[in-house]
């Protein structure tokens, strides 16, 4: 049972991390490098909901699995990994359920991003920066959790 739970945990965190890094480092960069700013925003606005949904659900699954894996464990290291997964899940959920709707609402009021900086554009980029920051922190937290659960692998049995 524990072996299966470990596989589920590592698969969920691995796919979440892979998705987050691939999207952040490759997809978003290529979209902005290839398309005009307005069109790039349209494409990203279509990609963000499934991205956040997938990563949040994978992080949540990983956290639920840690509840079973660590049910009788007292290790502070293992608990720090569990907390890291929980916080990463919360960060991704906030990006998905809070920041994404706010950014979409603000974006709907902005006719174009080229031109003078308006208060709406400044607000959009403030929320965008916050969501990117949470995304980066979630990546770091998942890396931490993966390292902990790999190093402490024997303690999970």
N, C-alpha and C. Protein backbone atom coordinates (compact mmCIF):
# COMPACT_ATOMS: atom_id res chain seq x y z
N UNK A 1 0.82 -1.20 0.00
CA UNK A 1 0.00 0.00 0.00
C UNK A 1 0.87 1.27 0.00
N UNK A 2 1.89 1.28 0.90
CA UNK A 2 2.74 2.47 0.96
C UNK A 2 3.51 2.67 -0.33
N UNK A 3 3.90 1.58 -0.98
CA UNK A 3 4.63 1.70 -2.25
C UNK A 3 3.74 2.36 -3.30
N UNK A 4 2.48 1.96 -3.34
CA UNK A 4 1.53 2.55 -4.29
C UNK A 4 1.32 4.04 -3.98
N UNK A 5 1.17 4.35 -2.71
CA UNK A 5 0.98 5.75 -2.33
C UNK A 5 2.21 6.59 -2.69
N UNK A 6 3.39 6.04 -2.50
CA UNK A 6 4.61 6.78 -2.87
C UNK A 6 4.65 7.04 -4.38
N UNK A 7 4.25 6.04 -5.17
CA UNK A 7 4.22 6.22 -6.63
C UNK A 7 3.23 7.31 -7.00
N UNK A 8 2.05 7.28 -6.38
CA UNK A 8 1.04 8.31 -6.67
C UNK A 8 1.58 9.68 -6.28
N UNK A 9 2.19 9.78 -5.09
CA UNK A 9 2.74 11.06 -4.64
C UNK A 9 3.79 11.59 -5.61
N UNK A 10 4.78 10.76 -5.93
CA UNK A 10 5.87 11.21 -6.80
C UNK A 10 5.38 11.51 -8.22
N UNK A 11 4.40 10.77 -8.69
CA UNK A 11 3.83 11.05 -10.01
C UNK A 11 3.10 12.38 -10.00
N UNK A 12 2.28 12.61 -9.00
CA UNK A 12 1.52 13.87 -8.92
C UNK A 12 2.45 15.07 -8.81
N UNK A 13 3.44 15.00 -7.91
CA UNK A 13 4.35 16.14 -7.77
C UNK A 13 5.24 16.28 -8.99
N UNK A 14 5.67 15.17 -9.57
CA UNK A 14 6.52 15.24 -10.76
C UNK A 14 5.80 15.85 -11.94
N UNK A 15 4.57 15.43 -12.17
CA UNK A 15 3.79 15.99 -13.29
C UNK A 15 3.48 17.47 -13.02
N UNK A 16 3.13 17.79 -11.77
CA UNK A 16 2.86 19.20 -11.43
C UNK A 16 4.11 20.05 -11.68
N UNK A 17 5.25 19.61 -11.17
CA UNK A 17 6.49 20.37 -11.37
C UNK A 17 6.85 20.48 -12.84
N UNK A 18 6.74 19.38 -13.55
CA UNK A 18 7.04 19.41 -14.98
C UNK A 18 6.15 20.37 -15.75
N UNK A 19 4.87 20.34 -15.43
CA UNK A 19 3.92 21.24 -16.08
C UNK A 19 4.25 22.69 -15.76
N UNK A 20 4.53 22.96 -14.50
CA UNK A 20 4.81 24.34 -14.08
C UNK A 20 6.09 24.87 -14.73
N UNK A 21 7.12 24.07 -14.75
CA UNK A 21 8.39 24.52 -15.32
C UNK A 21 8.28 24.64 -16.84
N UNK A 22 7.66 23.66 -17.49
CA UNK A 22 7.49 23.71 -18.94
C UNK A 22 6.68 24.93 -19.34
N UNK A 23 5.57 25.17 -18.65
CA UNK A 23 4.74 26.32 -19.00
C UNK A 23 5.47 27.64 -18.77
N UNK A 24 6.12 27.76 -17.61
CA UNK A 24 6.79 29.01 -17.24
C UNK A 24 8.00 29.28 -18.12
N UNK A 25 8.83 28.27 -18.32
CA UNK A 25 10.11 28.49 -19.00
C UNK A 25 10.01 28.41 -20.52
N UNK A 26 9.05 27.65 -21.03
CA UNK A 26 9.03 27.43 -22.48
C UNK A 26 7.77 27.99 -23.14
N UNK A 27 6.61 27.53 -22.70
CA UNK A 27 5.36 27.90 -23.37
C UNK A 27 5.13 29.41 -23.34
N UNK A 28 5.12 29.99 -22.16
CA UNK A 28 4.84 31.43 -22.04
C UNK A 28 5.88 32.25 -22.80
N UNK A 29 7.14 31.87 -22.68
CA UNK A 29 8.21 32.60 -23.39
C UNK A 29 8.02 32.55 -24.90
N UNK A 30 7.70 31.37 -25.42
CA UNK A 30 7.52 31.22 -26.86
C UNK A 30 6.28 31.94 -27.37
N UNK A 31 5.24 31.94 -26.57
CA UNK A 31 4.02 32.65 -26.98
C UNK A 31 4.31 34.14 -27.10
N UNK A 32 4.99 34.71 -26.11
CA UNK A 32 5.30 36.14 -26.16
C UNK A 32 6.33 36.46 -27.24
N UNK A 33 7.22 35.53 -27.53
CA UNK A 33 8.24 35.77 -28.57
C UNK A 33 7.65 35.66 -29.97
N UNK A 34 6.56 34.92 -30.12
CA UNK A 34 6.01 34.64 -31.44
C UNK A 34 4.82 35.53 -31.80
N UNK A 35 3.97 35.82 -30.84
CA UNK A 35 2.72 36.53 -31.12
C UNK A 35 2.78 37.97 -30.66
N UNK A 36 1.99 38.84 -31.31
CA UNK A 36 1.85 40.21 -30.79
C UNK A 36 1.26 40.16 -29.38
N UNK A 37 1.53 41.19 -28.60
CA UNK A 37 1.17 41.21 -27.18
C UNK A 37 -0.31 40.88 -26.95
N UNK A 38 -1.21 41.49 -27.70
CA UNK A 38 -2.65 41.24 -27.51
C UNK A 38 -3.03 39.80 -27.80
N UNK A 39 -2.50 39.25 -28.88
CA UNK A 39 -2.80 37.85 -29.23
C UNK A 39 -2.17 36.90 -28.23
N UNK A 40 -0.97 37.22 -27.77
CA UNK A 40 -0.32 36.38 -26.76
C UNK A 40 -1.17 36.34 -25.50
N UNK A 41 -1.70 37.48 -25.11
CA UNK A 41 -2.57 37.53 -23.94
C UNK A 41 -3.82 36.67 -24.12
N UNK A 42 -4.38 36.68 -25.34
CA UNK A 42 -5.56 35.86 -25.62
C UNK A 42 -5.25 34.37 -25.47
N UNK A 43 -4.10 33.96 -26.01
CA UNK A 43 -3.71 32.55 -25.93
C UNK A 43 -3.48 32.15 -24.47
N UNK A 44 -2.75 32.98 -23.75
CA UNK A 44 -2.47 32.66 -22.35
C UNK A 44 -3.75 32.65 -21.51
N UNK A 45 -4.67 33.55 -21.82
CA UNK A 45 -5.94 33.58 -21.09
C UNK A 45 -6.72 32.27 -21.31
N UNK A 46 -6.52 31.65 -22.46
CA UNK A 46 -7.18 30.37 -22.74
C UNK A 46 -6.45 29.20 -22.07
N UNK A 47 -5.13 29.33 -21.91
CA UNK A 47 -4.33 28.24 -21.34
C UNK A 47 -4.35 28.25 -19.81
N UNK A 48 -4.40 29.43 -19.20
CA UNK A 48 -4.30 29.52 -17.74
C UNK A 48 -5.33 28.71 -16.97
N UNK A 49 -6.63 28.74 -17.31
CA UNK A 49 -7.58 27.96 -16.50
C UNK A 49 -7.26 26.47 -16.43
N UNK A 50 -7.01 25.79 -17.56
CA UNK A 50 -6.66 24.36 -17.41
C UNK A 50 -5.31 24.14 -16.73
N UNK A 51 -4.37 25.06 -16.94
CA UNK A 51 -3.07 24.96 -16.27
C UNK A 51 -3.24 24.99 -14.76
N UNK A 52 -3.92 26.02 -14.26
CA UNK A 52 -4.12 26.14 -12.82
C UNK A 52 -4.97 24.99 -12.26
N UNK A 53 -5.98 24.57 -13.01
CA UNK A 53 -6.82 23.46 -12.56
C UNK A 53 -5.98 22.20 -12.40
N UNK A 54 -5.22 21.86 -13.44
CA UNK A 54 -4.41 20.65 -13.41
C UNK A 54 -3.40 20.68 -12.27
N UNK A 55 -2.64 21.77 -12.16
CA UNK A 55 -1.59 21.83 -11.15
C UNK A 55 -2.17 21.86 -9.74
N UNK A 56 -3.25 22.59 -9.54
CA UNK A 56 -3.86 22.63 -8.21
C UNK A 56 -4.38 21.25 -7.80
N UNK A 57 -5.04 20.55 -8.73
CA UNK A 57 -5.55 19.22 -8.41
C UNK A 57 -4.42 18.23 -8.15
N UNK A 58 -3.34 18.31 -8.93
CA UNK A 58 -2.20 17.41 -8.69
C UNK A 58 -1.55 17.68 -7.34
N UNK A 59 -1.38 18.96 -7.01
CA UNK A 59 -0.81 19.31 -5.70
C UNK A 59 -1.74 18.84 -4.58
N UNK A 60 -3.03 19.02 -4.76
CA UNK A 60 -4.00 18.57 -3.76
C UNK A 60 -3.96 17.06 -3.59
N UNK A 61 -3.86 16.33 -4.70
CA UNK A 61 -3.74 14.88 -4.63
C UNK A 61 -2.47 14.48 -3.88
N UNK A 62 -1.37 15.14 -4.20
CA UNK A 62 -0.11 14.84 -3.51
C UNK A 62 -0.24 15.09 -2.01
N UNK A 63 -0.90 16.17 -1.64
CA UNK A 63 -1.09 16.46 -0.21
C UNK A 63 -1.94 15.38 0.46
N UNK A 64 -3.04 15.00 -0.17
CA UNK A 64 -3.91 13.96 0.40
C UNK A 64 -3.13 12.66 0.61
N UNK A 65 -2.29 12.32 -0.35
CA UNK A 65 -1.47 11.12 -0.22
C UNK A 65 -0.51 11.24 0.96
N UNK A 66 0.04 12.44 1.19
CA UNK A 66 0.95 12.60 2.34
C UNK A 66 0.21 12.38 3.66
N UNK A 67 -1.08 12.68 3.69
CA UNK A 67 -1.84 12.43 4.92
C UNK A 67 -1.82 10.95 5.27
N UNK A 68 -1.95 10.11 4.26
CA UNK A 68 -1.91 8.66 4.50
C UNK A 68 -0.48 8.19 4.76
N UNK A 69 0.47 8.70 4.01
CA UNK A 69 1.86 8.27 4.18
C UNK A 69 2.43 8.65 5.54
N UNK A 70 2.04 9.81 6.04
CA UNK A 70 2.64 10.33 7.27
C UNK A 70 1.72 10.21 8.48
N UNK A 71 0.70 9.41 8.37
CA UNK A 71 -0.30 9.30 9.43
C UNK A 71 0.31 9.03 10.80
N UNK A 72 1.30 8.17 10.87
CA UNK A 72 1.90 7.82 12.16
C UNK A 72 3.34 8.30 12.29
N UNK A 73 3.76 9.18 11.43
CA UNK A 73 5.14 9.65 11.45
C UNK A 73 5.25 10.94 12.25
N UNK A 74 6.38 11.09 12.92
CA UNK A 74 6.61 12.28 13.74
C UNK A 74 7.78 13.12 13.22
N UNK A 75 8.39 12.71 12.14
CA UNK A 75 9.57 13.40 11.62
C UNK A 75 9.26 14.84 11.21
N UNK A 76 10.02 15.77 11.77
CA UNK A 76 9.85 17.17 11.40
C UNK A 76 10.19 17.42 9.94
N UNK A 77 11.19 16.68 9.42
CA UNK A 77 11.56 16.83 8.01
C UNK A 77 10.41 16.42 7.11
N UNK A 78 9.83 15.26 7.41
CA UNK A 78 8.71 14.79 6.59
C UNK A 78 7.52 15.73 6.70
N UNK A 79 7.27 16.22 7.89
CA UNK A 79 6.15 17.16 8.06
C UNK A 79 6.42 18.46 7.30
N UNK A 80 7.69 18.89 7.23
CA UNK A 80 8.00 20.11 6.45
C UNK A 80 7.69 19.89 4.98
N UNK A 81 7.94 18.68 4.48
CA UNK A 81 7.58 18.37 3.10
C UNK A 81 6.08 18.37 2.89
N UNK A 82 5.37 17.84 3.88
CA UNK A 82 3.91 17.82 3.80
C UNK A 82 3.35 19.25 3.80
N UNK A 83 3.87 20.09 4.69
CA UNK A 83 3.44 21.48 4.73
C UNK A 83 3.78 22.19 3.42
N UNK A 84 4.93 21.88 2.86
CA UNK A 84 5.32 22.50 1.59
C UNK A 84 4.31 22.18 0.49
N UNK A 85 3.87 20.92 0.44
CA UNK A 85 2.88 20.53 -0.56
C UNK A 85 1.55 21.23 -0.30
N UNK A 86 1.14 21.32 0.95
CA UNK A 86 -0.11 22.01 1.27
C UNK A 86 -0.03 23.48 0.88
N UNK A 87 1.05 24.15 1.21
CA UNK A 87 1.19 25.58 0.88
C UNK A 87 1.25 25.77 -0.64
N UNK A 88 1.94 24.88 -1.35
CA UNK A 88 1.97 24.97 -2.81
C UNK A 88 0.56 24.82 -3.38
N UNK A 89 -0.21 23.91 -2.81
CA UNK A 89 -1.61 23.72 -3.25
C UNK A 89 -2.41 24.99 -3.03
N UNK A 90 -2.27 25.59 -1.87
CA UNK A 90 -2.99 26.83 -1.56
C UNK A 90 -2.56 27.94 -2.51
N UNK A 91 -1.25 28.08 -2.75
CA UNK A 91 -0.77 29.12 -3.66
C UNK A 91 -1.36 28.95 -5.06
N UNK A 92 -1.38 27.72 -5.55
CA UNK A 92 -1.93 27.49 -6.89
C UNK A 92 -3.45 27.72 -6.91
N UNK A 93 -4.12 27.35 -5.85
CA UNK A 93 -5.57 27.59 -5.77
C UNK A 93 -5.88 29.08 -5.73
N UNK A 94 -5.07 29.85 -5.01
CA UNK A 94 -5.26 31.31 -4.97
C UNK A 94 -5.04 31.90 -6.36
N UNK A 95 -4.01 31.44 -7.05
CA UNK A 95 -3.78 31.91 -8.42
C UNK A 95 -4.95 31.60 -9.33
N UNK A 96 -5.49 30.40 -9.18
CA UNK A 96 -6.58 29.93 -10.04
C UNK A 96 -7.91 30.60 -9.69
N UNK A 97 -8.27 30.60 -8.42
CA UNK A 97 -9.61 31.02 -8.01
C UNK A 97 -9.74 32.49 -7.62
N UNK A 98 -8.60 33.14 -7.34
CA UNK A 98 -8.64 34.55 -6.93
C UNK A 98 -8.01 35.44 -7.99
N UNK A 99 -6.73 35.25 -8.25
CA UNK A 99 -6.02 36.16 -9.15
C UNK A 99 -6.46 36.04 -10.61
N UNK A 100 -6.68 34.81 -11.09
CA UNK A 100 -7.06 34.64 -12.49
C UNK A 100 -8.38 35.35 -12.82
N UNK A 101 -9.45 35.21 -12.03
CA UNK A 101 -10.67 35.96 -12.34
C UNK A 101 -10.47 37.47 -12.26
N UNK A 102 -9.69 37.94 -11.29
CA UNK A 102 -9.43 39.38 -11.19
C UNK A 102 -8.70 39.87 -12.44
N UNK A 103 -7.66 39.13 -12.85
CA UNK A 103 -6.91 39.55 -14.05
C UNK A 103 -7.78 39.51 -15.30
N UNK A 104 -8.65 38.50 -15.41
CA UNK A 104 -9.54 38.43 -16.58
C UNK A 104 -10.51 39.60 -16.59
N UNK A 105 -11.04 39.97 -15.43
CA UNK A 105 -11.95 41.11 -15.36
C UNK A 105 -11.24 42.41 -15.72
N UNK A 106 -10.04 42.60 -15.21
CA UNK A 106 -9.27 43.81 -15.53
C UNK A 106 -8.93 43.82 -17.01
N UNK A 107 -8.49 42.67 -17.52
CA UNK A 107 -8.08 42.57 -18.93
C UNK A 107 -9.24 42.92 -19.87
N UNK A 108 -10.45 42.58 -19.48
CA UNK A 108 -11.62 42.88 -20.31
C UNK A 108 -11.85 44.38 -20.45
N UNK A 109 -11.31 45.18 -19.53
CA UNK A 109 -11.49 46.64 -19.59
C UNK A 109 -10.36 47.35 -20.32
N UNK A 110 -9.33 46.59 -20.71
CA UNK A 110 -8.16 47.20 -21.35
C UNK A 110 -8.24 46.95 -22.86
N UNK A 111 -8.42 48.00 -23.65
CA UNK A 111 -8.53 47.81 -25.10
C UNK A 111 -7.22 47.32 -25.72
N UNK A 112 -6.10 47.83 -25.24
CA UNK A 112 -4.80 47.42 -25.76
C UNK A 112 -3.74 47.61 -24.70
N UNK A 113 -2.74 46.75 -24.74
CA UNK A 113 -1.64 46.88 -23.79
C UNK A 113 -0.52 47.75 -24.34
N UNK A 114 -0.63 48.10 -25.61
CA UNK A 114 0.38 49.00 -26.17
C UNK A 114 -0.15 50.42 -26.04
N UNK A 115 0.68 51.28 -25.57
CA UNK A 115 0.26 52.66 -25.34
C UNK A 115 0.64 53.07 -23.93
N UNK A 116 0.05 54.15 -23.48
CA UNK A 116 0.42 54.66 -22.15
C UNK A 116 -0.05 53.72 -21.04
N UNK A 117 0.70 53.74 -19.96
CA UNK A 117 0.32 52.97 -18.78
C UNK A 117 -0.93 53.59 -18.16
N UNK A 118 -1.93 52.78 -18.00
CA UNK A 118 -3.16 53.23 -17.36
C UNK A 118 -3.26 52.55 -15.99
N UNK A 119 -4.11 53.07 -15.12
CA UNK A 119 -4.29 52.39 -13.83
C UNK A 119 -4.73 50.92 -13.98
N UNK A 120 -5.55 50.65 -14.98
CA UNK A 120 -6.00 49.27 -15.20
C UNK A 120 -4.83 48.37 -15.60
N UNK A 121 -3.96 48.85 -16.47
CA UNK A 121 -2.80 48.07 -16.87
C UNK A 121 -1.88 47.84 -15.67
N UNK A 122 -1.69 48.88 -14.88
CA UNK A 122 -0.84 48.74 -13.69
C UNK A 122 -1.44 47.71 -12.72
N UNK A 123 -2.75 47.73 -12.53
CA UNK A 123 -3.40 46.75 -11.65
C UNK A 123 -3.25 45.35 -12.21
N UNK A 124 -3.44 45.22 -13.53
CA UNK A 124 -3.30 43.92 -14.17
C UNK A 124 -1.91 43.34 -13.91
N UNK A 125 -0.88 44.16 -14.16
CA UNK A 125 0.48 43.66 -13.98
C UNK A 125 0.83 43.45 -12.51
N UNK A 126 0.19 44.15 -11.61
CA UNK A 126 0.41 43.88 -10.19
C UNK A 126 -0.10 42.48 -9.84
N UNK A 127 -1.34 42.16 -10.28
CA UNK A 127 -1.88 40.83 -10.00
C UNK A 127 -1.12 39.76 -10.77
N UNK A 128 -0.69 40.07 -11.97
CA UNK A 128 0.11 39.13 -12.75
C UNK A 128 1.41 38.82 -12.01
N UNK A 129 2.05 39.84 -11.49
CA UNK A 129 3.29 39.65 -10.73
C UNK A 129 3.06 38.82 -9.48
N UNK A 130 1.96 39.07 -8.79
CA UNK A 130 1.63 38.27 -7.61
C UNK A 130 1.39 36.81 -7.97
N UNK A 131 0.66 36.58 -9.04
CA UNK A 131 0.39 35.20 -9.44
C UNK A 131 1.67 34.50 -9.89
N UNK A 132 2.54 35.22 -10.58
CA UNK A 132 3.83 34.63 -10.99
C UNK A 132 4.69 34.34 -9.76
N UNK A 133 4.66 35.22 -8.77
CA UNK A 133 5.41 34.99 -7.54
C UNK A 133 4.91 33.76 -6.80
N UNK A 134 3.59 33.61 -6.71
CA UNK A 134 3.03 32.43 -6.05
C UNK A 134 3.39 31.16 -6.83
N UNK A 135 3.37 31.27 -8.15
CA UNK A 135 3.73 30.13 -9.00
C UNK A 135 5.19 29.72 -8.75
N UNK A 136 6.08 30.69 -8.70
CA UNK A 136 7.49 30.40 -8.45
C UNK A 136 7.68 29.80 -7.05
N UNK A 137 7.01 30.37 -6.06
CA UNK A 137 7.10 29.82 -4.70
C UNK A 137 6.56 28.39 -4.65
N UNK A 138 5.49 28.13 -5.37
CA UNK A 138 4.93 26.77 -5.41
C UNK A 138 5.92 25.79 -6.03
N UNK A 139 6.62 26.22 -7.08
CA UNK A 139 7.65 25.37 -7.68
C UNK A 139 8.73 25.04 -6.65
N UNK A 140 9.21 26.06 -5.95
CA UNK A 140 10.25 25.85 -4.95
C UNK A 140 9.77 24.94 -3.82
N UNK A 141 8.53 25.14 -3.38
CA UNK A 141 7.97 24.30 -2.32
C UNK A 141 7.84 22.84 -2.75
N UNK A 142 7.40 22.62 -3.98
CA UNK A 142 7.28 21.24 -4.47
C UNK A 142 8.65 20.59 -4.61
N UNK A 143 9.65 21.37 -5.06
CA UNK A 143 11.01 20.82 -5.12
C UNK A 143 11.46 20.41 -3.72
N UNK A 144 11.22 21.27 -2.75
CA UNK A 144 11.59 20.96 -1.37
C UNK A 144 10.92 19.66 -0.91
N UNK A 145 9.63 19.56 -1.15
CA UNK A 145 8.90 18.37 -0.73
C UNK A 145 9.44 17.12 -1.43
N UNK A 146 9.71 17.22 -2.70
CA UNK A 146 10.25 16.08 -3.44
C UNK A 146 11.60 15.66 -2.87
N UNK A 147 12.45 16.62 -2.61
CA UNK A 147 13.77 16.30 -2.04
C UNK A 147 13.61 15.60 -0.69
N UNK A 148 12.76 16.16 0.15
CA UNK A 148 12.54 15.57 1.48
C UNK A 148 12.02 14.14 1.35
N UNK A 149 11.03 13.92 0.51
CA UNK A 149 10.44 12.59 0.42
C UNK A 149 11.33 11.59 -0.33
N UNK A 150 12.27 12.08 -1.13
CA UNK A 150 13.23 11.18 -1.76
C UNK A 150 14.33 10.82 -0.75
N UNK A 151 14.86 11.83 -0.06
CA UNK A 151 15.91 11.58 0.92
C UNK A 151 15.41 10.72 2.07
N UNK A 152 14.22 10.97 2.52
CA UNK A 152 13.63 10.25 3.67
C UNK A 152 12.76 9.07 3.20
N UNK A 153 13.04 8.55 2.03
CA UNK A 153 12.25 7.48 1.41
C UNK A 153 12.03 6.31 2.38
N UNK A 154 13.08 5.88 3.07
CA UNK A 154 12.96 4.74 3.98
C UNK A 154 12.02 5.02 5.15
N UNK A 155 11.91 6.28 5.53
CA UNK A 155 11.04 6.63 6.66
C UNK A 155 9.56 6.54 6.30
N UNK A 156 9.25 6.43 5.01
CA UNK A 156 7.86 6.40 4.58
C UNK A 156 7.26 5.00 4.57
N UNK A 157 8.02 4.00 4.95
CA UNK A 157 7.48 2.65 4.91
C UNK A 157 7.01 2.19 6.26
